[in-house]
C-alpha atoms as a PDB file:
ATOM      1  CA  MET A   1      61.992-259.045 -75.238  1.00  0.00           C
ATOM      2  CA  LYS A   2      63.084-257.711 -71.855  1.00  0.00           C
ATOM      3  CA  ILE A   3      60.357-257.688 -69.211  1.00  0.00           C
ATOM      4  CA  GLY A   4      60.667-255.701 -65.991  1.00  0.00           C
ATOM      5  CA  ILE A   5      58.641-256.597 -62.920  1.00  0.00           C
ATOM      6  CA  ILE A   6      57.916-254.304 -59.990  1.00  0.00           C
ATOM      7  CA  SER A   7      55.467-254.339 -57.107  1.00  0.00           C
ATOM      8  CA  ASP A   8      54.452-252.400 -54.020  1.00  0.00           C
ATOM      9  CA  THR A   9      55.430-248.870 -55.028  1.00  0.00           C
ATOM     10  CA  HIS A  10      52.695-247.639 -52.644  1.00  0.00           C
ATOM     11  CA  GLY A  11      52.736-244.150 -54.180  1.00  0.00           C
ATOM     12  CA  SER A  12      56.488-243.675 -53.702  1.00  0.00           C
ATOM     13  CA  ILE A  13      58.012-241.685 -56.544  1.00  0.00           C
ATOM     14  CA  THR A  14      61.414-242.352 -54.946  1.00  0.00           C
ATOM     15  CA  ALA A  15      61.025-246.133 -55.182  1.00  0.00           C
ATOM     16  CA  TRP A  16      59.748-245.899 -58.765  1.00  0.00           C
ATOM     17  CA  GLU A  17      62.559-243.615 -59.959  1.00  0.00           C
ATOM     18  CA  LYS A  18      65.240-245.809 -58.408  1.00  0.00           C
ATOM     19  CA  ALA A  19      63.818-248.985 -59.970  1.00  0.00           C
ATOM     20  CA  TYR A  20      63.126-247.331 -63.321  1.00  0.00           C
ATOM     21  CA  GLU A  21      66.486-245.609 -63.702  1.00  0.00           C
ATOM     22  CA  ASN A  22      68.491-248.675 -62.640  1.00  0.00           C
ATOM     23  CA  TYR A  23      66.506-251.491 -64.253  1.00  0.00           C
ATOM     24  CA  LEU A  24      63.159-250.807 -65.876  1.00  0.00           C
ATOM     25  CA  ILE A  25      64.386-248.208 -68.364  1.00  0.00           C
ATOM     26  CA  HIS A  26      66.125-251.033 -70.241  1.00  0.00           C
ATOM     27  CA  THR A  27      62.962-253.134 -70.674  1.00  0.00           C
ATOM     28  CA  ASP A  28      60.376-253.453 -73.441  1.00  0.00           C
ATOM     29  CA  LEU A  29      57.457-254.132 -71.079  1.00  0.00           C
ATOM     30  CA  ILE A  30      56.827-253.385 -67.404  1.00  0.00           C
ATOM     31  CA  ILE A  31      54.575-255.492 -65.201  1.00  0.00           C
ATOM     32  CA  HIS A  32      53.433-253.924 -61.926  1.00  0.00           C
ATOM     33  CA  CYS A  33      52.171-256.573 -59.511  1.00  0.00           C
ATOM     34  CA  GLY A  34      49.973-254.260 -57.443  1.00  0.00           C
ATOM     35  CA  ASP A  35      49.889-251.822 -54.538  1.00  0.00           C
ATOM     36  CA  VAL A  36      50.502-249.012 -56.974  1.00  0.00           C
ATOM     37  CA  LEU A  37      49.461-245.638 -55.510  1.00  0.00           C
ATOM     38  CA  TYR A  38      48.225-246.089 -51.948  1.00  0.00           C
ATOM     39  CA  HIS A  39      50.157-247.189 -48.866  1.00  0.00           C
ATOM     40  CA  GLY A  40      47.218-248.772 -47.029  1.00  0.00           C
ATOM     41  CA  PRO A  41      45.979-248.067 -43.503  1.00  0.00           C
ATOM     42  CA  ARG A  42      48.400-250.499 -41.827  1.00  0.00           C
ATOM     43  CA  ASN A  43      51.568-249.216 -43.483  1.00  0.00           C
ATOM     44  CA  PRO A  44      53.579-246.059 -42.757  1.00  0.00           C
ATOM     45  CA  LEU A  45      53.936-243.447 -45.483  1.00  0.00           C
ATOM     46  CA  PRO A  46      56.788-244.506 -47.774  1.00  0.00           C
ATOM     47  CA  ASP A  47      59.694-242.200 -48.606  1.00  0.00           C
ATOM     48  CA  GLY A  48      58.782-239.917 -51.483  1.00  0.00           C
ATOM     49  CA  TYR A  49      55.034-240.513 -51.128  1.00  0.00           C
ATOM     50  CA  LYS A  50      53.650-238.566 -54.095  1.00  0.00           C
ATOM     51  CA  PRO A  51      50.905-240.661 -55.691  1.00  0.00           C
ATOM     52  CA  ASN A  52      49.822-237.877 -58.078  1.00  0.00           C
ATOM     53  CA  GLU A  53      53.338-237.501 -59.450  1.00  0.00           C
ATOM     54  CA  LEU A  54      53.758-241.267 -59.711  1.00  0.00           C
ATOM     55  CA  CYS A  55      50.454-241.498 -61.561  1.00  0.00           C
ATOM     56  CA  THR A  56      51.685-238.911 -64.064  1.00  0.00           C
ATOM     57  CA  ARG A  57      54.861-240.948 -64.628  1.00  0.00           C
ATOM     58  CA  PHE A  58      52.837-244.086 -65.297  1.00  0.00           C
ATOM     59  CA  ASN A  59      50.444-242.282 -67.648  1.00  0.00           C
ATOM     60  CA  ASN A  60      53.332-240.766 -69.641  1.00  0.00           C
ATOM     61  CA  LEU A  61      55.445-243.915 -69.850  1.00  0.00           C
ATOM     62  CA  ASP A  62      56.663-244.622 -73.385  1.00  0.00           C
ATOM     63  CA  LYS A  63      56.427-248.419 -73.151  1.00  0.00           C
ATOM     64  CA  PRO A  64      53.689-250.943 -72.385  1.00  0.00           C
ATOM     65  CA  LEU A  65      52.712-251.184 -68.722  1.00  0.00           C
ATOM     66  CA  VAL A  66      50.482-253.867 -67.196  1.00  0.00           C
ATOM     67  CA  PHE A  67      48.993-253.533 -63.707  1.00  0.00           C
ATOM     68  CA  VAL A  68      47.237-256.052 -61.517  1.00  0.00           C
ATOM     69  CA  ARG A  69      45.311-255.007 -58.443  1.00  0.00           C
ATOM     70  CA  GLY A  70      46.970-255.386 -55.055  1.00  0.00           C
ATOM     71  CA  ASN A  71      45.385-255.390 -51.616  1.00  0.00           C
ATOM     72  CA  CYS A  72      46.056-251.633 -51.174  1.00  0.00           C
ATOM     73  CA  ASP A  73      44.705-250.593 -54.588  1.00  0.00           C
ATOM     74  CA  ALA A  74      41.251-249.034 -54.757  1.00  0.00           C
ATOM     75  CA  GLU A  75      38.647-248.301 -57.383  1.00  0.00           C
ATOM     76  CA  VAL A  76      39.429-244.588 -57.090  1.00  0.00           C
ATOM     77  CA  ASP A  77      42.995-245.242 -58.321  1.00  0.00           C
ATOM     78  CA  GLN A  78      41.576-246.326 -61.669  1.00  0.00           C
ATOM     79  CA  MET A  79      40.031-242.881 -62.072  1.00  0.00           C
ATOM     80  CA  VAL A  80      43.490-241.285 -62.407  1.00  0.00           C
ATOM     81  CA  LEU A  81      45.421-244.036 -64.201  1.00  0.00           C
ATOM     82  CA  ASP A  82      45.270-244.494 -67.972  1.00  0.00           C
ATOM     83  CA  HIS A  83      46.099-248.206 -67.651  1.00  0.00           C
ATOM     84  CA  PRO A  84      43.633-250.812 -66.352  1.00  0.00           C
ATOM     85  CA  LEU A  85      44.223-251.555 -62.658  1.00  0.00           C
ATOM     86  CA  GLU A  86      41.163-253.384 -61.405  1.00  0.00           C
ATOM     87  CA  ALA A  87      41.960-256.922 -62.595  1.00  0.00           C
ATOM     88  CA  PRO A  88      43.111-259.248 -59.800  1.00  0.00           C
ATOM     89  CA  SER A  89      45.372-261.091 -62.238  1.00  0.00           C
ATOM     90  CA  ALA A  90      46.717-260.956 -65.771  1.00  0.00           C
ATOM     91  CA  HIS A  91      47.687-263.562 -68.350  1.00  0.00           C
ATOM     92  CA  LEU A  92      50.394-262.364 -70.721  1.00  0.00           C
ATOM     93  CA  PHE A  93      51.618-264.220 -73.774  1.00  0.00           C
ATOM     94  CA  THR A  94      54.827-263.517 -75.677  1.00  0.00           C
ATOM     95  CA  ASP A  95      56.492-265.518 -78.428  1.00  0.00           C
ATOM     96  CA  HIS A  96      58.333-267.587 -75.822  1.00  0.00           C
ATOM     97  CA  TRP A  97      56.548-267.132 -72.505  1.00  0.00           C
ATOM     98  CA  ARG A  98      53.172-267.511 -70.852  1.00  0.00           C
ATOM     99  CA  ILE A  99      53.107-265.310 -67.774  1.00  0.00           C
ATOM    100  CA  PHE A 100      50.526-265.310 -65.002  1.00  0.00           C
ATOM    101  CA  VAL A 101      50.661-262.235 -62.762  1.00  0.00           C
ATOM    102  CA  HIS A 102      48.931-261.554 -59.459  1.00  0.00           C
ATOM    103  CA  HIS A 103      49.758-259.615 -56.308  1.00  0.00           C
ATOM    104  CA  GLY A 104      49.864-262.606 -54.017  1.00  0.00           C
ATOM    105  CA  HIS A 105      47.351-261.612 -51.366  1.00  0.00           C
ATOM    106  CA  HIS A 106      44.832-264.104 -52.772  1.00  0.00           C
ATOM    107  CA  THR A 107      46.185-267.616 -52.529  1.00  0.00           C
ATOM    108  CA  GLU A 108      43.647-269.380 -54.736  1.00  0.00           C
ATOM    109  CA  LEU A 109      44.412-269.361 -58.448  1.00  0.00           C
ATOM    110  CA  PRO A 110      41.606-269.107 -60.995  1.00  0.00           C
ATOM    111  CA  VAL A 111      40.239-272.466 -62.121  1.00  0.00           C
ATOM    112  CA  LYS A 112      41.295-271.843 -65.728  1.00  0.00           C
ATOM    113  CA  THR A 113      44.941-271.480 -64.686  1.00  0.00           C
ATOM    114  CA  THR A 114      45.286-275.151 -63.774  1.00  0.00           C
ATOM    115  CA  GLU A 115      43.419-276.199 -66.892  1.00  0.00           C
ATOM    116  CA  HIS A 116      45.531-274.106 -69.290  1.00  0.00           C
ATOM    117  CA  TYR A 117      49.010-274.467 -67.813  1.00  0.00           C
ATOM    118  CA  ASN A 118      49.319-278.132 -66.896  1.00  0.00           C
END
């Protein structure tokens, strides 16, 4: 299984297309580590800022996609995405891997993480 990981698209269709066409197209699963559609009040608008178009790409993707919530993601983003976005972390299990995903803006790991992965 090939797993692609991306983060911080911030609504940029340009960033998504470049990553997808060069790397993610060849994967079986994509993990997005947050900051999906919005750029946040402290950041400049990214090149190709088209969150509606990016949302459509995510909703029409022909492979599994897992999101975790980043510090720039908002509850309103979930209203337009077909994939769950509001979880601060995700635990993924494959035949060979246990993967813990989070955006990184929270430095404390859930209590269960230490218990299950030591």
